[in-house]
C-alpha atoms as a PDB file:
ATOM      1  CA  MET A   1     -12.624  26.216  -2.733  1.00  0.00           C
ATOM      2  CA  PHE A   2     -14.303  28.763  -0.452  1.00  0.00           C
ATOM      3  CA  LEU A   3     -15.929  26.004   1.621  1.00  0.00           C
ATOM      4  CA  ALA A   4     -12.753  23.893   1.747  1.00  0.00           C
ATOM      5  CA  THR A   5     -10.586  26.874   2.726  1.00  0.00           C
ATOM      6  CA  LEU A   6     -13.071  27.956   5.410  1.00  0.00           C
ATOM      7  CA  VAL A   7     -12.939  24.494   7.013  1.00  0.00           C
ATOM      8  CA  ARG A   8      -9.129  24.393   6.862  1.00  0.00           C
ATOM      9  CA  SER A   9      -8.745  27.865   8.353  1.00  0.00           C
ATOM     10  CA  ALA A  10     -11.284  27.255  11.133  1.00  0.00           C
ATOM     11  CA  PHE A  11     -10.136  23.793  12.222  1.00  0.00           C
ATOM     12  CA  GLY A  12      -6.618  23.467  10.815  1.00  0.00           C
ATOM     13  CA  PHE A  13      -7.231  20.467   8.537  1.00  0.00           C
ATOM     14  CA  GLY A  14      -9.729  18.775   6.225  1.00  0.00           C
ATOM     15  CA  GLU A  15      -9.774  20.945   3.124  1.00  0.00           C
ATOM     16  CA  SER A  16      -8.515  18.254   0.746  1.00  0.00           C
ATOM     17  CA  LEU A  17     -11.391  15.935   1.746  1.00  0.00           C
ATOM     18  CA  ILE A  18     -13.808  18.618   0.580  1.00  0.00           C
ATOM     19  CA  ALA A  19     -11.937  20.269  -2.292  1.00  0.00           C
ATOM     20  CA  VAL A  20     -10.520  17.355  -4.273  1.00  0.00           C
ATOM     21  CA  PRO A  21     -13.700  15.208  -4.576  1.00  0.00           C
ATOM     22  CA  LEU A  22     -15.852  18.218  -5.506  1.00  0.00           C
ATOM     23  CA  LEU A  23     -13.323  19.724  -7.909  1.00  0.00           C
ATOM     24  CA  ALA A  24     -12.942  16.346  -9.606  1.00  0.00           C
ATOM     25  CA  PHE A  25     -16.540  16.683 -10.853  1.00  0.00           C
ATOM     26  CA  ARG A  26     -15.487  19.641 -13.003  1.00  0.00           C
ATOM     27  CA  ILE A  27     -11.733  19.372 -13.609  1.00  0.00           C
ATOM     28  CA  PRO A  28      -9.304  16.445 -13.964  1.00  0.00           C
ATOM     29  CA  LEU A  29      -8.040  14.887 -10.729  1.00  0.00           C
ATOM     30  CA  GLU A  30      -4.425  15.515 -11.752  1.00  0.00           C
ATOM     31  CA  VAL A  31      -5.301  19.233 -11.771  1.00  0.00           C
ATOM     32  CA  ALA A  32      -7.511  19.185  -8.663  1.00  0.00           C
ATOM     33  CA  ALA A  33      -4.885  17.571  -6.404  1.00  0.00           C
ATOM     34  CA  PRO A  34      -2.027  20.076  -7.005  1.00  0.00           C
ATOM     35  CA  LEU A  35      -4.555  22.925  -6.942  1.00  0.00           C
ATOM     36  CA  SER A  36      -5.599  21.821  -3.449  1.00  0.00           C
ATOM     37  CA  VAL A  37      -1.951  21.736  -2.356  1.00  0.00           C
ATOM     38  CA  LEU A  38      -1.340  25.266  -3.687  1.00  0.00           C
ATOM     39  CA  ILE A  39      -4.312  26.522  -1.687  1.00  0.00           C
ATOM     40  CA  SER A  40      -2.961  24.604   1.321  1.00  0.00           C
ATOM     41  CA  ILE A  41       0.353  26.472   1.023  1.00  0.00           C
ATOM     42  CA  THR A  42      -1.523  29.774   0.866  1.00  0.00           C
ATOM     43  CA  VAL A  43      -3.638  29.021   3.942  1.00  0.00           C
ATOM     44  CA  ALA A  44      -0.683  27.748   5.968  1.00  0.00           C
ATOM     45  CA  SER A  45       1.510  30.728   5.005  1.00  0.00           C
ATOM     46  CA  ILE A  46      -1.073  33.287   6.098  1.00  0.00           C
ATOM     47  CA  VAL A  47      -1.888  31.455   9.345  1.00  0.00           C
ATOM     48  CA  VAL A  48       1.804  31.105  10.233  1.00  0.00           C
ATOM     49  CA  VAL A  49       2.324  34.846   9.672  1.00  0.00           C
ATOM     50  CA  GLN A  50      -0.823  35.707  11.667  1.00  0.00           C
ATOM     51  CA  ASP A  51      -0.353  33.372  14.614  1.00  0.00           C
ATOM     52  CA  TRP A  52       3.291  32.290  14.699  1.00  0.00           C
ATOM     53  CA  LYS A  53       3.414  32.896  18.452  1.00  0.00           C
ATOM     54  CA  LYS A  54       0.842  30.123  18.969  1.00  0.00           C
ATOM     55  CA  ILE A  55       2.821  27.457  17.101  1.00  0.00           C
ATOM     56  CA  HIS A  56       4.357  24.703  19.223  1.00  0.00           C
ATOM     57  CA  VAL A  57       7.580  24.830  17.227  1.00  0.00           C
ATOM     58  CA  GLY A  58       9.163  21.805  18.898  1.00  0.00           C
ATOM     59  CA  SER A  59       6.144  19.586  18.265  1.00  0.00           C
ATOM     60  CA  ALA A  60       5.766  20.748  14.652  1.00  0.00           C
ATOM     61  CA  SER A  61       9.479  20.184  13.952  1.00  0.00           C
ATOM     62  CA  TRP A  62       9.562  16.639  15.329  1.00  0.00           C
ATOM     63  CA  LEU A  63       6.311  15.772  13.576  1.00  0.00           C
ATOM     64  CA  ILE A  64       7.851  16.871  10.266  1.00  0.00           C
ATOM     65  CA  LEU A  65      11.059  14.895  10.833  1.00  0.00           C
ATOM     66  CA  SER A  66       9.235  11.710  11.818  1.00  0.00           C
ATOM     67  CA  THR A  67       6.906  12.161   8.840  1.00  0.00           C
ATOM     68  CA  LEU A  68       9.902  12.066   6.490  1.00  0.00           C
ATOM     69  CA  ALA A  69      10.800   8.669   7.945  1.00  0.00           C
ATOM     70  CA  GLY A  70       7.300   7.324   7.308  1.00  0.00           C
ATOM     71  CA  ILE A  71       6.866   8.472   3.698  1.00  0.00           C
ATOM     72  CA  PRO A  72       8.949   5.638   2.120  1.00  0.00           C
ATOM     73  CA  LEU A  73       6.836   3.025   3.908  1.00  0.00           C
ATOM     74  CA  GLY A  74       3.691   4.723   2.640  1.00  0.00           C
ATOM     75  CA  LEU A  75       5.003   4.686  -0.929  1.00  0.00           C
ATOM     76  CA  LEU A  76       5.901   1.007  -0.549  1.00  0.00           C
ATOM     77  CA  MET A  77       2.399   0.306   0.736  1.00  0.00           C
ATOM     78  CA  LEU A  78       0.927   2.151  -2.234  1.00  0.00           C
ATOM     79  CA  THR A  79       2.805  -0.038  -4.703  1.00  0.00           C
ATOM     80  CA  SER A  80       2.401  -3.335  -2.824  1.00  0.00           C
ATOM     81  CA  GLY A  81      -1.288  -3.824  -3.592  1.00  0.00           C
ATOM     82  CA  ASN A  82      -2.297  -4.215   0.081  1.00  0.00           C
ATOM     83  CA  ASP A  83      -3.557  -0.669   0.523  1.00  0.00           C
ATOM     84  CA  LEU A  84      -7.245  -1.645   0.798  1.00  0.00           C
ATOM     85  CA  ILE A  85      -6.608  -3.770   3.892  1.00  0.00           C
ATOM     86  CA  VAL A  86      -4.561  -0.998   5.464  1.00  0.00           C
ATOM     87  CA  LYS A  87      -7.162   1.621   4.553  1.00  0.00           C
ATOM     88  CA  ALA A  88      -9.940  -0.477   6.134  1.00  0.00           C
ATOM     89  CA  GLY A  89      -7.864  -0.991   9.288  1.00  0.00           C
ATOM     90  CA  LEU A  90      -7.101   2.723   9.574  1.00  0.00           C
ATOM     91  CA  GLY A  91     -10.756   3.538   9.022  1.00  0.00           C
ATOM     92  CA  VAL A  92     -11.804   1.260  11.887  1.00  0.00           C
ATOM     93  CA  ILE A  93      -9.163   2.719  14.237  1.00  0.00           C
ATOM     94  CA  ILE A  94     -10.084   6.335  13.441  1.00  0.00           C
ATOM     95  CA  ILE A  95     -13.816   5.598  13.777  1.00  0.00           C
ATOM     96  CA  ALA A  96     -13.271   3.860  17.129  1.00  0.00           C
ATOM     97  CA  PHE A  97     -11.168   6.764  18.468  1.00  0.00           C
ATOM     98  CA  SER A  98     -13.734   9.332  17.299  1.00  0.00           C
ATOM     99  CA  ILE A  99     -16.753   7.509  18.748  1.00  0.00           C
ATOM    100  CA  TYR A 100     -14.892   6.885  22.024  1.00  0.00           C
ATOM    101  CA  SER A 101     -14.140  10.608  22.295  1.00  0.00           C
ATOM    102  CA  LEU A 102     -17.605  11.781  21.187  1.00  0.00           C
ATOM    103  CA  THR A 103     -19.356   9.647  23.807  1.00  0.00           C
ATOM    104  CA  GLY A 104     -17.898  11.906  26.470  1.00  0.00           C
ATOM    105  CA  ARG A 105     -15.183   9.600  27.680  1.00  0.00           C
ATOM    106  CA  LYS A 106     -11.923  11.256  28.444  1.00  0.00           C
ATOM    107  CA  ALA A 107      -9.391  10.836  25.640  1.00  0.00           C
ATOM    108  CA  VAL A 108      -5.843   9.770  26.431  1.00  0.00           C
ATOM    109  CA  ALA A 109      -3.898  12.835  27.529  1.00  0.00           C
ATOM    110  CA  VAL A 110      -0.331  13.301  26.349  1.00  0.00           C
ATOM    111  CA  LYS A 111       1.962  15.783  28.056  1.00  0.00           C
ATOM    112  CA  ALA A 112       4.729  17.758  26.383  1.00  0.00           C
ATOM    113  CA  GLY A 113       7.703  15.469  25.966  1.00  0.00           C
ATOM    114  CA  GLY A 114       5.610  12.377  25.226  1.00  0.00           C
ATOM    115  CA  TRP A 115       8.080  11.255  22.593  1.00  0.00           C
ATOM    116  CA  SER A 116       6.498   7.934  21.712  1.00  0.00           C
ATOM    117  CA  TRP A 117       3.182   9.556  20.789  1.00  0.00           C
ATOM    118  CA  LEU A 118       4.848  12.529  19.082  1.00  0.00           C
ATOM    119  CA  LEU A 119       7.160  10.465  16.877  1.00  0.00           C
ATOM    120  CA  GLY A 120       4.582   7.711  16.370  1.00  0.00           C
ATOM    121  CA  CYS A 121       1.896  10.105  15.119  1.00  0.00           C
ATOM    122  CA  GLY A 122       4.389  11.885  12.862  1.00  0.00           C
ATOM    123  CA  PHE A 123       5.572   8.550  11.442  1.00  0.00           C
ATOM    124  CA  CYS A 124       1.969   7.441  10.787  1.00  0.00           C
ATOM    125  CA  ALA A 125       1.287  10.798   9.119  1.00  0.00           C
ATOM    126  CA  GLY A 126       4.213  10.099   6.785  1.00  0.00           C
ATOM    127  CA  ILE A 127       2.828   6.655   5.934  1.00  0.00           C
ATOM    128  CA  LEU A 128      -0.614   8.085   5.158  1.00  0.00           C
ATOM    129  CA  GLY A 129       0.930  10.966   3.239  1.00  0.00           C
ATOM    130  CA  GLY A 130       3.102   8.678   1.139  1.00  0.00           C
ATOM    131  CA  ALA A 131       0.283   6.216   0.447  1.00  0.00           C
ATOM    132  CA  TYR A 132      -2.767   8.478   0.086  1.00  0.00           C
ATOM    133  CA  GLY A 133      -1.599  12.103   0.337  1.00  0.00           C
ATOM    134  CA  LEU A 134      -3.574  12.384   3.585  1.00  0.00           C
ATOM    135  CA  ASN A 135      -1.254  13.307   6.465  1.00  0.00           C
ATOM    136  CA  GLY A 136      -3.903  14.851   8.689  1.00  0.00           C
ATOM    137  CA  PRO A 137      -5.583  12.186  10.879  1.00  0.00           C
ATOM    138  CA  PRO A 138      -2.559  11.167  13.031  1.00  0.00           C
ATOM    139  CA  LEU A 139      -1.665  14.842  13.536  1.00  0.00           C
ATOM    140  CA  VAL A 140      -5.210  15.671  14.576  1.00  0.00           C
ATOM    141  CA  ILE A 141      -5.257  12.748  17.009  1.00  0.00           C
ATOM    142  CA  TYR A 142      -1.960  13.923  18.524  1.00  0.00           C
ATOM    143  CA  GLY A 143      -3.208  17.505  18.890  1.00  0.00           C
ATOM    144  CA  ALA A 144      -6.421  16.256  20.514  1.00  0.00           C
ATOM    145  CA  MET A 145      -4.465  14.161  23.015  1.00  0.00           C
ATOM    146  CA  ARG A 146      -2.267  17.161  23.831  1.00  0.00           C
ATOM    147  CA  ARG A 147      -5.466  19.153  24.488  1.00  0.00           C
ATOM    148  CA  TRP A 148      -4.175  22.204  22.662  1.00  0.00           C
ATOM    149  CA  THR A 149      -6.466  25.220  22.547  1.00  0.00           C
ATOM    150  CA  ALA A 150      -8.287  25.796  19.256  1.00  0.00           C
ATOM    151  CA  GLN A 151      -5.806  28.564  18.405  1.00  0.00           C
ATOM    152  CA  HIS A 152      -2.681  26.508  19.202  1.00  0.00           C
ATOM    153  CA  PHE A 153      -4.175  23.514  17.392  1.00  0.00           C
ATOM    154  CA  ARG A 154      -4.800  25.502  14.198  1.00  0.00           C
ATOM    155  CA  ALA A 155      -1.457  27.314  14.242  1.00  0.00           C
ATOM    156  CA  THR A 156       0.699  24.270  15.046  1.00  0.00           C
ATOM    157  CA  LEU A 157      -0.871  22.170  12.294  1.00  0.00           C
ATOM    158  CA  GLN A 158      -0.135  24.956   9.813  1.00  0.00           C
ATOM    159  CA  GLY A 159       3.465  25.029  11.033  1.00  0.00           C
ATOM    160  CA  TYR A 160       3.561  21.377   9.975  1.00  0.00           C
ATOM    161  CA  PHE A 161       1.551  21.639   6.760  1.00  0.00           C
ATOM    162  CA  LEU A 162       3.470  24.589   5.295  1.00  0.00           C
ATOM    163  CA  PRO A 163       6.802  22.784   4.696  1.00  0.00           C
ATOM    164  CA  ALA A 164       5.009  19.497   3.984  1.00  0.00           C
ATOM    165  CA  SER A 165       2.831  21.111   1.306  1.00  0.00           C
ATOM    166  CA  ILE A 166       5.801  22.894  -0.257  1.00  0.00           C
ATOM    167  CA  VAL A 167       7.615  19.559  -0.568  1.00  0.00           C
ATOM    168  CA  GLY A 168       4.458  18.031  -2.044  1.00  0.00           C
ATOM    169  CA  MET A 169       4.173  20.827  -4.613  1.00  0.00           C
ATOM    170  CA  VAL A 170       7.815  20.350  -5.604  1.00  0.00           C
ATOM    171  CA  GLY A 171       6.973  16.697  -6.171  1.00  0.00           C
ATOM    172  CA  TYR A 172       4.056  17.640  -8.441  1.00  0.00           C
ATOM    173  CA  TRP A 173       6.334  20.007 -10.354  1.00  0.00           C
ATOM    174  CA  LEU A 174       9.022  17.346 -10.820  1.00  0.00           C
ATOM    175  CA  ALA A 175       6.336  14.906 -11.991  1.00  0.00           C
ATOM    176  CA  GLY A 176       5.132  17.430 -14.570  1.00  0.00           C
ATOM    177  CA  LEU A 177       1.737  17.896 -12.904  1.00  0.00           C
ATOM    178  CA  TRP A 178       2.081  21.618 -12.171  1.00  0.00           C
ATOM    179  CA  VAL A 179       0.611  22.577 -15.511  1.00  0.00           C
ATOM    180  CA  PRO A 180      -0.719  26.033 -16.556  1.00  0.00           C
ATOM    181  CA  ALA A 181      -4.303  24.918 -15.748  1.00  0.00           C
ATOM    182  CA  VAL A 182      -3.331  24.474 -12.065  1.00  0.00           C
ATOM    183  CA  THR A 183      -1.997  28.038 -11.882  1.00  0.00           C
ATOM    184  CA  TYR A 184      -5.051  29.370 -13.750  1.00  0.00           C
ATOM    185  CA  TYR A 185      -7.563  27.740 -11.382  1.00  0.00           C
ATOM    186  CA  TYR A 186      -5.466  28.791  -8.378  1.00  0.00           C
ATOM    187  CA  LEU A 187      -5.536  32.445  -9.427  1.00  0.00           C
ATOM    188  CA  ILE A 188      -9.291  32.486 -10.032  1.00  0.00           C
ATOM    189  CA  SER A 189      -9.839  30.728  -6.667  1.00  0.00           C
ATOM    190  CA  LEU A 190      -7.909  33.327  -4.655  1.00  0.00           C
ATOM    191  CA  PRO A 191     -10.653  36.018  -4.559  1.00  0.00           C
ATOM    192  CA  LEU A 192     -12.842  33.571  -2.603  1.00  0.00           C
ATOM    193  CA  ALA A 193     -10.138  31.618  -0.798  1.00  0.00           C
ATOM    194  CA  LEU A 194      -8.528  34.649   0.835  1.00  0.00           C
ATOM    195  CA  PRO A 195     -11.700  35.928   2.574  1.00  0.00           C
ATOM    196  CA  ALA A 196     -12.381  32.349   3.720  1.00  0.00           C
ATOM    197  CA  ILE A 197      -8.984  32.247   5.474  1.00  0.00           C
ATOM    198  CA  PHE A 198      -9.763  35.321   7.545  1.00  0.00           C
ATOM    199  CA  LEU A 199     -13.368  34.263   8.218  1.00  0.00           C
ATOM    200  CA  GLY A 200     -12.058  30.875   9.363  1.00  0.00           C
ATOM    201  CA  ARG A 201      -9.722  32.613  11.811  1.00  0.00           C
ATOM    202  CA  ILE A 202     -12.677  34.480  13.322  1.00  0.00           C
ATOM    203  CA  LEU A 203     -14.604  31.208  13.716  1.00  0.00           C
ATOM    204  CA  ASN A 204     -11.556  29.497  15.214  1.00  0.00           C
ATOM    205  CA  HIS A 205     -11.160  32.189  17.865  1.00  0.00           C
ATOM    206  CA  ARG A 206     -14.787  31.682  18.900  1.00  0.00           C
ATOM    207  CA  LEU A 207     -14.294  27.952  19.490  1.00  0.00           C
ATOM    208  CA  HIS A 208     -13.233  26.859  22.947  1.00  0.00           C
ATOM    209  CA  GLY A 209     -12.693  23.685  24.926  1.00  0.00           C
ATOM    210  CA  GLU A 210     -14.959  20.710  24.360  1.00  0.00           C
ATOM    211  CA  SER A 211     -17.085  22.411  21.699  1.00  0.00           C
ATOM    212  CA  PHE A 212     -13.997  22.715  19.495  1.00  0.00           C
ATOM    213  CA  TYR A 213     -12.989  19.106  20.031  1.00  0.00           C
ATOM    214  CA  LYS A 214     -16.472  17.819  19.228  1.00  0.00           C
ATOM    215  CA  TYR A 215     -16.076  19.304  15.751  1.00  0.00           C
ATOM    216  CA  ILE A 216     -12.597  17.788  15.515  1.00  0.00           C
ATOM    217  CA  TYR A 217     -13.848  14.319  16.439  1.00  0.00           C
ATOM    218  CA  MET A 218     -16.738  14.603  13.969  1.00  0.00           C
ATOM    219  CA  GLY A 219     -14.237  15.517  11.248  1.00  0.00           C
ATOM    220  CA  LEU A 220     -12.113  12.496  12.152  1.00  0.00           C
ATOM    221  CA  LEU A 221     -15.210  10.299  12.123  1.00  0.00           C
ATOM    222  CA  ALA A 222     -15.999  11.458   8.585  1.00  0.00           C
ATOM    223  CA  ILE A 223     -12.427  10.630   7.508  1.00  0.00           C
ATOM    224  CA  GLY A 224     -12.607   7.175   9.084  1.00  0.00           C
ATOM    225  CA  ILE A 225     -15.933   6.418   7.417  1.00  0.00           C
ATOM    226  CA  SER A 226     -14.602   7.549   4.025  1.00  0.00           C
ATOM    227  CA  PHE A 227     -11.560   5.274   4.453  1.00  0.00           C
ATOM    228  CA  LEU A 228     -13.760   2.307   5.320  1.00  0.00           C
ATOM    229  CA  PHE A 229     -16.202   3.031   2.491  1.00  0.00           C
ATOM    230  CA  GLN A 230     -13.383   3.265  -0.070  1.00  0.00           C
ATOM    231  CA  ALA A 231     -11.932  -0.052   1.110  1.00  0.00           C
ATOM    232  CA  ILE A 232     -15.288  -1.846   0.994  1.00  0.00           C
ATOM    233  CA  SER A 233     -16.411  -0.409  -2.341  1.00  0.00           C
ATOM    234  CA  SER A 234     -13.110  -1.055  -4.170  1.00  0.00           C
END
């Protein structure tokens, strides 16, 4: 949880890719997933309080609204049995975008008011969230195309993830998955998670320009590869 929280606080995303697979070695997945969401709420809450002035409120709000429209399609995809094809396709797209950006070529730039990209990325985040509980990649791609600073990138994503994670936790509670074990593991994780949040903020403020985005693209590349691997191995 320390490692996952440090990554989330420094870069604004990615903790669930680290926390859930590793936690699943020691605790049931139905406990690990809501535990990760509770930590996500904690990280996002603290970051929003710390850096609320750096949040692009308009972008975060429209991303949330368009995400709500995409969630039903994601749930339909999850129950249709075609998720492996979609996962493989998404993996290829994310890998291609990451490699294109890492090779030094200039990524597509989107200015404020680019509604098609804003709503499209939010909608895709809703699809991924509904199908796999993984909203992050489209949001990260949008932030990269907007060329936000590391601080604005981190803060704006938390402005999105806070309400999204709260809704997700309500869903776990309604489904009966917020059991006492989740609360227990959350409380014993806090002594390490909290310092990681503040250490991540220090790291984030030391990242600037292209060096920050190289880490972002490498994180996206890892997500794309994991998507493709899951599709091939299933």
